[in-house]
Amino acid sequence: MQAVVNGRTDTPVFTDVGPRETGFPLLVTRIHRSNFRDAEGNMRTPTAEDRDQATEFSEEPLATDLFVPPGDFRRVPHLPGETSLPFGVRMRHTLQRYWRGLFQ
């Protein structure tokens, strides 16, 4: 998703550092940086870091009931506090699902 502010388009830049991964990552650290100007016109660069780490590794098969939704699961049109899609977008998605269903 790209944001347009004051007629300027924000274009994300992705940088990979180091050799390309070829195995299963046991630890992944991502650092996110963004630049913006605050109300006083100063350039700010907030940084956020998140980590994904394998805490258990096994070659045993997983129990199939791990993938069964709970009994009280129900589909919701959107999450609480989230706005729903505009009517035109919902109609387009519905028609796309319909047409895909005809030709599968």
N, C-alpha and C. Protein backbone atom coordinates (compact mmCIF):
# COMPACT_ATOMS: atom_id res chain seq x y z
N MET A 1 0.84 -1.16 0.00
CA MET A 1 0.00 0.00 0.00
C MET A 1 0.89 1.23 0.00
N GLN A 2 0.59 2.19 -0.81
CA GLN A 2 1.35 3.42 -0.85
C GLN A 2 0.49 4.57 -0.36
N ALA A 3 1.11 5.47 0.38
CA ALA A 3 0.40 6.63 0.90
C ALA A 3 0.83 7.87 0.13
N VAL A 4 -0.13 8.74 -0.12
CA VAL A 4 0.17 10.00 -0.79
C VAL A 4 -0.11 11.11 0.21
N VAL A 5 0.93 11.90 0.50
CA VAL A 5 0.81 13.01 1.44
C VAL A 5 1.32 14.26 0.75
N ASN A 6 0.51 15.29 0.74
CA ASN A 6 0.87 16.56 0.09
C ASN A 6 1.33 16.34 -1.34
N GLY A 7 0.69 15.43 -2.05
CA GLY A 7 1.01 15.18 -3.46
C GLY A 7 2.24 14.32 -3.68
N ARG A 8 2.88 13.85 -2.61
CA ARG A 8 4.08 13.02 -2.74
C ARG A 8 3.73 11.58 -2.39
N THR A 9 4.22 10.65 -3.19
CA THR A 9 3.96 9.23 -2.96
C THR A 9 5.10 8.63 -2.15
N ASP A 10 4.75 7.95 -1.07
CA ASP A 10 5.72 7.28 -0.23
C ASP A 10 6.02 5.92 -0.85
N THR A 11 7.25 5.68 -1.27
CA THR A 11 7.63 4.43 -1.92
C THR A 11 8.52 3.64 -0.97
N PRO A 12 8.08 2.45 -0.53
CA PRO A 12 8.90 1.66 0.40
C PRO A 12 10.16 1.13 -0.29
N VAL A 13 11.22 1.00 0.48
CA VAL A 13 12.48 0.45 0.00
C VAL A 13 12.84 -0.72 0.89
N PHE A 14 13.11 -1.88 0.30
CA PHE A 14 13.47 -3.08 1.05
C PHE A 14 14.93 -3.38 0.82
N THR A 15 15.65 -3.65 1.89
CA THR A 15 17.07 -3.93 1.80
C THR A 15 17.36 -5.26 2.48
N ASP A 16 17.95 -6.20 1.76
CA ASP A 16 18.38 -7.47 2.34
C ASP A 16 19.88 -7.38 2.60
N VAL A 17 20.29 -7.75 3.80
CA VAL A 17 21.70 -7.69 4.17
C VAL A 17 22.18 -9.11 4.41
N GLY A 18 23.32 -9.48 3.82
CA GLY A 18 23.90 -10.80 4.03
C GLY A 18 23.48 -11.77 2.96
N PRO A 19 23.99 -13.00 3.09
CA PRO A 19 23.68 -14.02 2.08
C PRO A 19 22.22 -14.44 2.17
N ARG A 20 21.69 -14.92 1.05
CA ARG A 20 20.30 -15.37 0.98
C ARG A 20 20.13 -16.62 1.84
N GLU A 21 19.02 -16.68 2.58
CA GLU A 21 18.74 -17.82 3.44
C GLU A 21 18.39 -19.05 2.60
N THR A 22 18.85 -20.21 3.02
CA THR A 22 18.55 -21.43 2.28
C THR A 22 17.92 -22.50 3.17
N GLY A 23 17.80 -22.27 4.46
CA GLY A 23 17.26 -23.29 5.36
C GLY A 23 16.09 -22.74 6.15
N PHE A 24 15.76 -23.43 7.21
CA PHE A 24 14.66 -23.04 8.09
C PHE A 24 15.18 -22.01 9.08
N PRO A 25 14.58 -20.81 9.14
CA PRO A 25 15.09 -19.78 10.06
C PRO A 25 14.68 -20.09 11.50
N LEU A 26 15.65 -20.20 12.39
CA LEU A 26 15.36 -20.41 13.80
C LEU A 26 15.17 -19.09 14.53
N LEU A 27 15.78 -18.03 14.00
CA LEU A 27 15.61 -16.70 14.56
C LEU A 27 15.59 -15.70 13.42
N VAL A 28 14.53 -14.89 13.38
CA VAL A 28 14.41 -13.84 12.36
C VAL A 28 14.20 -12.52 13.10
N THR A 29 15.06 -11.56 12.82
CA THR A 29 14.94 -10.23 13.41
C THR A 29 14.70 -9.24 12.28
N ARG A 30 13.63 -8.45 12.41
CA ARG A 30 13.31 -7.43 11.42
C ARG A 30 13.37 -6.07 12.10
N ILE A 31 14.00 -5.14 11.43
CA ILE A 31 14.08 -3.76 11.93
C ILE A 31 13.36 -2.88 10.92
N HIS A 32 12.38 -2.14 11.40
CA HIS A 32 11.57 -1.27 10.54
C HIS A 32 11.91 0.18 10.88
N ARG A 33 12.28 0.94 9.87
CA ARG A 33 12.56 2.36 10.05
C ARG A 33 11.67 3.16 9.11
N SER A 34 11.20 4.29 9.58
CA SER A 34 10.43 5.16 8.71
C SER A 34 10.82 6.61 9.02
N ASN A 35 10.67 7.46 8.05
CA ASN A 35 11.01 8.87 8.21
C ASN A 35 9.76 9.71 8.05
N PHE A 36 9.64 10.71 8.91
CA PHE A 36 8.54 11.66 8.76
C PHE A 36 8.95 12.97 9.42
N ARG A 37 8.24 14.03 9.05
CA ARG A 37 8.47 15.33 9.68
C ARG A 37 7.39 15.56 10.73
N ASP A 38 7.81 15.96 11.92
CA ASP A 38 6.84 16.23 12.98
C ASP A 38 6.22 17.61 12.78
N ALA A 39 5.37 18.02 13.71
CA ALA A 39 4.64 19.28 13.58
C ALA A 39 5.57 20.49 13.52
N GLU A 40 6.76 20.36 14.15
CA GLU A 40 7.73 21.47 14.13
C GLU A 40 8.62 21.44 12.90
N GLY A 41 8.46 20.44 12.03
CA GLY A 41 9.26 20.34 10.81
C GLY A 41 10.55 19.56 10.96
N ASN A 42 10.78 18.96 12.14
CA ASN A 42 11.98 18.15 12.37
C ASN A 42 11.81 16.77 11.76
N MET A 43 12.87 16.25 11.14
CA MET A 43 12.83 14.90 10.57
C MET A 43 12.96 13.89 11.70
N ARG A 44 12.04 12.96 11.78
CA ARG A 44 12.05 11.90 12.80
C ARG A 44 12.22 10.56 12.11
N THR A 45 12.95 9.66 12.75
CA THR A 45 13.16 8.32 12.21
C THR A 45 12.88 7.30 13.31
N PRO A 46 11.61 6.95 13.52
CA PRO A 46 11.32 5.92 14.52
C PRO A 46 11.78 4.55 14.03
N THR A 47 12.20 3.71 14.95
CA THR A 47 12.66 2.37 14.63
C THR A 47 11.87 1.37 15.47
N ALA A 48 11.41 0.32 14.83
CA ALA A 48 10.73 -0.77 15.54
C ALA A 48 11.41 -2.07 15.16
N GLU A 49 11.54 -2.96 16.11
CA GLU A 49 12.19 -4.25 15.86
C GLU A 49 11.25 -5.35 16.31
N ASP A 50 11.13 -6.39 15.50
CA ASP A 50 10.38 -7.56 15.95
C ASP A 50 11.19 -8.81 15.63
N ARG A 51 10.95 -9.83 16.43
CA ARG A 51 11.72 -11.07 16.32
C ARG A 51 10.77 -12.26 16.29
N ASP A 52 11.06 -13.20 15.42
CA ASP A 52 10.38 -14.50 15.39
C ASP A 52 11.43 -15.54 15.69
N GLN A 53 11.16 -16.37 16.69
CA GLN A 53 12.15 -17.36 17.08
C GLN A 53 11.48 -18.72 17.27
N ALA A 54 12.10 -19.75 16.69
CA ALA A 54 11.61 -21.11 16.90
C ALA A 54 11.95 -21.51 18.32
N THR A 55 10.95 -21.94 19.08
CA THR A 55 11.19 -22.35 20.46
C THR A 55 11.17 -23.87 20.59
N GLU A 56 10.69 -24.53 19.55
CA GLU A 56 10.67 -25.99 19.57
C GLU A 56 10.82 -26.46 18.13
N PHE A 57 11.61 -27.49 17.95
CA PHE A 57 11.82 -28.03 16.60
C PHE A 57 11.67 -29.54 16.69
N SER A 58 10.78 -30.08 15.86
CA SER A 58 10.53 -31.52 15.90
C SER A 58 10.16 -31.99 14.50
N GLU A 59 10.51 -33.21 14.20
CA GLU A 59 10.11 -33.81 12.93
C GLU A 59 8.88 -34.69 13.09
N GLU A 60 8.31 -34.73 14.29
CA GLU A 60 7.10 -35.51 14.53
C GLU A 60 5.91 -34.82 13.86
N PRO A 61 4.97 -35.60 13.32
CA PRO A 61 3.79 -34.98 12.71
C PRO A 61 2.94 -34.28 13.76
N LEU A 62 2.27 -33.20 13.35
CA LEU A 62 1.38 -32.48 14.25
C LEU A 62 0.02 -33.16 14.29
N ALA A 63 -0.65 -33.04 15.42
CA ALA A 63 -2.00 -33.60 15.56
C ALA A 63 -2.94 -32.85 14.62
N THR A 64 -3.79 -33.60 13.93
CA THR A 64 -4.69 -32.97 12.95
C THR A 64 -5.70 -32.04 13.61
N ASP A 65 -6.05 -32.27 14.88
CA ASP A 65 -7.04 -31.39 15.53
C ASP A 65 -6.49 -29.99 15.80
N LEU A 66 -5.19 -29.78 15.62
CA LEU A 66 -4.64 -28.43 15.73
C LEU A 66 -5.18 -27.52 14.65
N PHE A 67 -5.64 -28.10 13.54
CA PHE A 67 -6.07 -27.31 12.39
C PHE A 67 -7.59 -27.24 12.26
N VAL A 68 -8.31 -27.76 13.23
CA VAL A 68 -9.77 -27.71 13.23
C VAL A 68 -10.20 -26.46 14.00
N PRO A 69 -11.04 -25.61 13.39
CA PRO A 69 -11.49 -24.41 14.12
C PRO A 69 -12.25 -24.80 15.38
N PRO A 70 -12.18 -23.99 16.42
CA PRO A 70 -12.93 -24.28 17.65
C PRO A 70 -14.43 -24.33 17.38
N GLY A 71 -15.16 -25.01 18.22
CA GLY A 71 -16.60 -25.18 18.03
C GLY A 71 -17.36 -23.87 18.01
N ASP A 72 -16.88 -22.86 18.73
CA ASP A 72 -17.60 -21.59 18.77
C ASP A 72 -17.11 -20.60 17.71
N PHE A 73 -16.29 -21.08 16.78
CA PHE A 73 -15.80 -20.20 15.71
C PHE A 73 -16.95 -19.79 14.81
N ARG A 74 -16.94 -18.52 14.42
CA ARG A 74 -17.92 -18.05 13.44
C ARG A 74 -17.25 -16.99 12.58
N ARG A 75 -17.61 -16.97 11.31
CA ARG A 75 -17.07 -15.99 10.37
C ARG A 75 -17.70 -14.63 10.65
N VAL A 76 -16.89 -13.61 10.62
CA VAL A 76 -17.40 -12.25 10.81
C VAL A 76 -17.04 -11.42 9.58
N PRO A 77 -17.88 -10.44 9.22
CA PRO A 77 -17.59 -9.65 8.02
C PRO A 77 -16.34 -8.78 8.18
N HIS A 78 -16.05 -8.34 9.40
CA HIS A 78 -14.85 -7.56 9.67
C HIS A 78 -14.61 -7.57 11.18
N LEU A 79 -13.42 -7.20 11.58
CA LEU A 79 -13.07 -7.19 12.99
C LEU A 79 -13.76 -6.03 13.70
N PRO A 80 -14.01 -6.17 15.01
CA PRO A 80 -14.64 -5.06 15.75
C PRO A 80 -13.79 -3.80 15.64
N GLY A 81 -14.43 -2.67 15.43
CA GLY A 81 -13.73 -1.40 15.31
C GLY A 81 -13.19 -1.13 13.92
N GLU A 82 -13.27 -2.09 13.04
CA GLU A 82 -12.77 -1.95 11.67
C GLU A 82 -13.93 -1.55 10.77
N THR A 83 -13.69 -0.63 9.87
CA THR A 83 -14.76 -0.22 8.96
C THR A 83 -14.94 -1.28 7.88
N SER A 84 -16.15 -1.43 7.41
CA SER A 84 -16.41 -2.39 6.35
C SER A 84 -16.02 -1.79 5.00
N LEU A 85 -15.82 -2.66 4.03
CA LEU A 85 -15.45 -2.20 2.68
C LEU A 85 -16.63 -1.47 2.05
N PRO A 86 -16.36 -0.50 1.18
CA PRO A 86 -17.45 0.18 0.47
C PRO A 86 -18.27 -0.82 -0.34
N PHE A 87 -19.53 -0.48 -0.58
CA PHE A 87 -20.45 -1.36 -1.27
C PHE A 87 -19.91 -1.81 -2.63
N GLY A 88 -19.35 -0.89 -3.42
CA GLY A 88 -18.83 -1.22 -4.74
C GLY A 88 -17.71 -2.26 -4.67
N VAL A 89 -16.84 -2.14 -3.69
CA VAL A 89 -15.73 -3.09 -3.54
C VAL A 89 -16.28 -4.46 -3.14
N ARG A 90 -17.25 -4.47 -2.22
CA ARG A 90 -17.86 -5.75 -1.81
C ARG A 90 -18.52 -6.44 -3.00
N MET A 91 -19.22 -5.65 -3.84
CA MET A 91 -19.89 -6.23 -5.01
C MET A 91 -18.86 -6.80 -6.00
N ARG A 92 -17.77 -6.06 -6.22
CA ARG A 92 -16.73 -6.54 -7.14
C ARG A 92 -16.15 -7.86 -6.63
N HIS A 93 -15.84 -7.95 -5.34
CA HIS A 93 -15.30 -9.19 -4.78
C HIS A 93 -16.29 -10.34 -4.91
N THR A 94 -17.56 -10.05 -4.66
CA THR A 94 -18.59 -11.08 -4.78
C THR A 94 -18.68 -11.59 -6.22
N LEU A 95 -18.66 -10.68 -7.19
CA LEU A 95 -18.71 -11.09 -8.60
C LEU A 95 -17.46 -11.87 -9.00
N GLN A 96 -16.30 -11.46 -8.50
CA GLN A 96 -15.07 -12.18 -8.82
C GLN A 96 -15.14 -13.62 -8.29
N ARG A 97 -15.63 -13.79 -7.05
CA ARG A 97 -15.76 -15.15 -6.50
C ARG A 97 -16.75 -15.96 -7.33
N TYR A 98 -17.86 -15.33 -7.74
CA TYR A 98 -18.86 -16.01 -8.55
C TYR A 98 -18.25 -16.49 -9.87
N TRP A 99 -17.57 -15.58 -10.60
CA TRP A 99 -17.00 -15.94 -11.90
C TRP A 99 -15.92 -17.00 -11.75
N ARG A 100 -15.09 -16.90 -10.70
CA ARG A 100 -14.07 -17.95 -10.49
C ARG A 100 -14.73 -19.29 -10.25
N GLY A 101 -15.84 -19.29 -9.52
CA GLY A 101 -16.55 -20.54 -9.24
C GLY A 101 -17.13 -21.18 -10.48
N LEU A 102 -17.50 -20.38 -11.47
CA LEU A 102 -18.05 -20.91 -12.71
C LEU A 102 -17.02 -21.67 -13.54
N PHE A 103 -15.78 -21.24 -13.47
CA PHE A 103 -14.75 -21.80 -14.36
C PHE A 103 -13.74 -22.70 -13.65
N GLN A 104 -14.08 -23.17 -12.46
CA GLN A 104 -13.16 -24.08 -11.76
C GLN A 104 -13.63 -25.50 -11.83
